[in-house]
Amino acid sequence: MSFKMQRVHVYYAEVEDKPGGIAAKLKTLAEAGAHLEYVYSQRSATKAGIGELYVAPLSSTNELKAAKDAGLREVQEPVVMRVEGDDHAGLSGKLTQAWELAGLNLHGLVMSVLNGRFVGYITFDTPIDGNKAATILAELGTSEDMTHSKKMSGNGVAKTLA
């Protein structure tokens, strides 16, 4: 199995909880050329009429300027990690169980599969937890249990946080 895990630098803004509240901010980013791979929103648990928007990646000068103009700012919490790799039945259970046994508490988890590949976004409380999770993922990626053969189909690759 081949896995890749890396930190996602996430940008955040509050939005009005009404039709178009998110659309205006995403339109501004699109006009600046942003190609977003991560868009997450939810209603605020503490502020009535407010939503929360998280997006990534943003890197070019135009994208960063547009983000600032739209009221988005980079946030350090939660720590968001993107994981991708070859799909395997039971993978999410094995992965989350390994993290549980290591004492890692997940802040959030979303995983999807398409054409034999999976991609997921996992949020952790601290960069230390994210680093620990990446190490565990690399170990799972090279274990025989995950590859179903003595000849491994690839090495687990995990990037730790900078």
Protein backbone atom coordinates (compact mmCIF):
# COMPACT_ATOMS: atom_id res chain seq x y z
CA MET A 1 0.00 0.00 0.00
CA SER A 2 1.14 3.46 -0.74
CA PHE A 3 0.06 6.36 1.45
CA LYS A 4 0.83 10.04 1.52
CA MET A 5 -0.01 12.32 4.42
CA GLN A 6 0.75 16.01 4.71
CA ARG A 7 -0.35 19.07 6.59
CA VAL A 8 -2.89 21.33 4.95
CA HIS A 9 -2.54 25.04 5.68
CA VAL A 10 -6.13 26.10 6.17
CA TYR A 11 -7.73 29.53 5.82
CA TYR A 12 -10.82 30.47 7.82
CA ALA A 13 -13.56 33.07 7.82
CA GLU A 14 -16.89 33.56 9.46
CA VAL A 15 -19.76 33.78 7.00
CA GLU A 16 -23.37 34.79 7.28
CA ASP A 17 -25.58 31.73 7.70
CA LYS A 18 -27.80 32.51 4.72
CA PRO A 19 -27.95 31.62 1.01
CA GLY A 20 -24.84 33.01 -0.68
CA GLY A 21 -22.89 33.45 2.54
CA ILE A 22 -20.18 31.07 1.36
CA ALA A 23 -20.54 31.70 -2.37
CA ALA A 24 -19.25 35.28 -2.27
CA LYS A 25 -16.02 34.26 -0.56
CA LEU A 26 -15.46 31.29 -2.88
CA LYS A 27 -16.17 33.48 -5.92
CA THR A 28 -13.48 35.95 -4.82
CA LEU A 29 -10.97 33.09 -4.49
CA ALA A 30 -11.97 31.58 -7.85
CA GLU A 31 -11.48 34.93 -9.57
CA ALA A 32 -7.94 35.01 -8.15
CA GLY A 33 -7.23 31.60 -9.68
CA ALA A 34 -7.51 29.46 -6.54
CA HIS A 35 -7.90 25.73 -7.17
CA LEU A 36 -9.34 24.60 -3.84
CA GLU A 37 -8.95 20.98 -2.76
CA TYR A 38 -10.50 21.44 0.67
CA VAL A 39 -13.70 23.35 1.42
CA TYR A 40 -15.44 22.75 4.72
CA SER A 41 -18.24 24.73 6.29
CA GLN A 42 -20.53 24.40 9.26
CA ARG A 43 -22.85 26.50 11.35
CA SER A 44 -21.25 28.12 14.35
CA ALA A 45 -22.05 26.29 17.56
CA THR A 46 -21.77 29.51 19.55
CA LYS A 47 -22.92 32.35 17.26
CA ALA A 48 -26.46 32.43 15.91
CA GLY A 49 -26.68 33.38 12.22
CA ILE A 50 -22.97 32.72 11.62
CA GLY A 51 -21.22 29.95 9.75
CA GLU A 52 -17.58 28.91 9.58
CA LEU A 53 -15.71 28.40 6.32
CA TYR A 54 -12.36 26.62 5.95
CA VAL A 55 -10.51 26.38 2.61
CA ALA A 56 -7.16 25.18 1.24
CA PRO A 57 -4.75 25.42 -0.46
CA LEU A 58 -3.94 29.05 -1.13
CA SER A 59 -0.44 29.91 -2.23
CA SER A 60 -0.01 32.53 -4.94
CA THR A 61 0.19 36.22 -4.17
CA ASN A 62 -3.15 36.76 -5.95
CA GLU A 63 -4.83 33.99 -3.96
CA LEU A 64 -3.50 35.26 -0.64
CA LYS A 65 -4.57 38.83 -1.43
CA ALA A 66 -8.05 37.64 -2.44
CA ALA A 67 -8.30 35.61 0.77
CA LYS A 68 -7.40 38.65 2.85
CA ASP A 69 -9.87 40.81 0.90
CA ALA A 70 -12.59 38.20 1.53
CA GLY A 71 -11.84 38.14 5.25
CA LEU A 72 -10.05 34.78 5.30
CA ARG A 73 -6.98 34.24 7.46
CA GLU A 74 -4.66 31.28 7.99
CA VAL A 75 -5.39 29.36 11.19
CA GLN A 76 -3.17 27.03 13.20
CA GLU A 77 -6.04 25.09 14.79
CA PRO A 78 -7.41 22.67 14.08
CA VAL A 79 -4.41 20.87 12.57
CA VAL A 80 -5.67 19.48 9.24
CA MET A 81 -3.86 16.60 7.56
CA ARG A 82 -4.62 15.30 4.06
CA VAL A 83 -4.14 11.57 3.58
CA GLU A 84 -4.40 9.71 0.29
CA GLY A 85 -3.52 6.32 -1.07
CA ASP A 86 -4.62 2.97 -2.40
CA ASP A 87 -8.00 1.86 -1.10
CA HIS A 88 -8.39 -1.36 0.86
CA ALA A 89 -11.44 -2.85 2.59
CA GLY A 90 -11.36 -1.99 6.29
CA LEU A 91 -8.71 0.68 5.87
CA SER A 92 -10.49 3.42 7.84
CA GLY A 93 -11.11 1.03 10.72
CA LYS A 94 -7.49 -0.16 10.85
CA LEU A 95 -6.17 3.37 10.59
CA THR A 96 -8.40 4.88 13.26
CA GLN A 97 -7.82 1.89 15.56
CA ALA A 98 -4.05 2.32 15.26
CA TRP A 99 -4.41 6.01 16.11
CA GLU A 100 -6.66 5.14 19.06
CA LEU A 101 -4.13 2.64 20.41
CA ALA A 102 -1.50 5.39 20.21
CA GLY A 103 -3.73 7.64 22.31
CA LEU A 104 -4.61 10.06 19.51
CA ASN A 105 -7.96 11.81 19.73
CA LEU A 106 -9.39 12.88 16.38
CA HIS A 107 -10.93 16.33 16.13
CA GLY A 108 -12.63 15.30 12.87
CA LEU A 109 -12.43 12.83 9.99
CA VAL A 110 -13.76 12.73 6.41
CA MET A 111 -12.68 10.00 3.96
CA SER A 112 -13.88 9.21 0.43
CA VAL A 113 -13.00 6.60 -2.19
CA LEU A 114 -12.99 6.95 -5.98
CA ASN A 115 -11.57 4.53 -8.53
CA GLY A 116 -9.57 2.47 -6.03
CA ARG A 117 -7.96 5.51 -4.34
CA PHE A 118 -8.97 7.18 -1.12
CA VAL A 119 -8.52 10.71 0.11
CA GLY A 120 -9.28 11.95 3.57
CA TYR A 121 -8.94 14.98 5.76
CA ILE A 122 -8.23 14.40 9.43
CA THR A 123 -8.10 17.11 12.04
CA PHE A 124 -6.01 16.81 15.18
CA ASP A 125 -5.71 19.00 18.25
CA THR A 126 -1.94 19.54 18.00
CA PRO A 127 0.91 19.29 15.47
CA ILE A 128 2.48 16.64 17.71
CA ASP A 129 -0.61 14.46 17.27
CA GLY A 130 -0.48 15.03 13.50
CA ASN A 131 3.18 13.96 13.40
CA LYS A 132 2.43 10.86 15.45
CA ALA A 133 -0.46 9.98 13.12
CA ALA A 134 1.80 10.37 10.07
CA THR A 135 4.36 7.98 11.57
CA ILE A 136 1.66 5.40 12.29
CA LEU A 137 0.31 5.73 8.75
CA ALA A 138 3.79 5.09 7.31
CA GLU A 139 4.11 1.98 9.49
CA LEU A 140 0.70 0.69 8.37
CA GLY A 141 1.62 1.35 4.74
CA THR A 142 4.53 -1.05 4.93
CA SER A 143 2.91 -3.79 7.02
CA GLU A 144 2.07 -7.14 5.39
CA ASP A 145 -1.41 -7.01 6.87
CA MET A 146 -2.22 -3.95 4.78
CA THR A 147 -0.53 -5.12 1.55
CA HIS A 148 -1.95 -8.67 1.45
CA SER A 149 1.31 -10.07 0.09
CA LYS A 150 4.93 -10.52 0.94
CA LYS A 151 5.87 -8.27 -1.97
CA MET A 152 4.86 -4.79 -0.92
CA SER A 153 3.07 -2.64 -3.46
CA GLY A 154 4.70 0.50 -2.13
CA ASN A 155 6.07 2.15 0.95
CA GLY A 156 4.06 4.25 3.30
CA VAL A 157 5.08 7.86 2.84
CA ALA A 158 4.21 10.38 5.47
CA LYS A 159 5.36 13.95 5.70
CA THR A 160 5.59 15.43 9.13
CA LEU A 161 4.69 18.99 10.00
CA ALA A 162 7.08 21.83 9.53
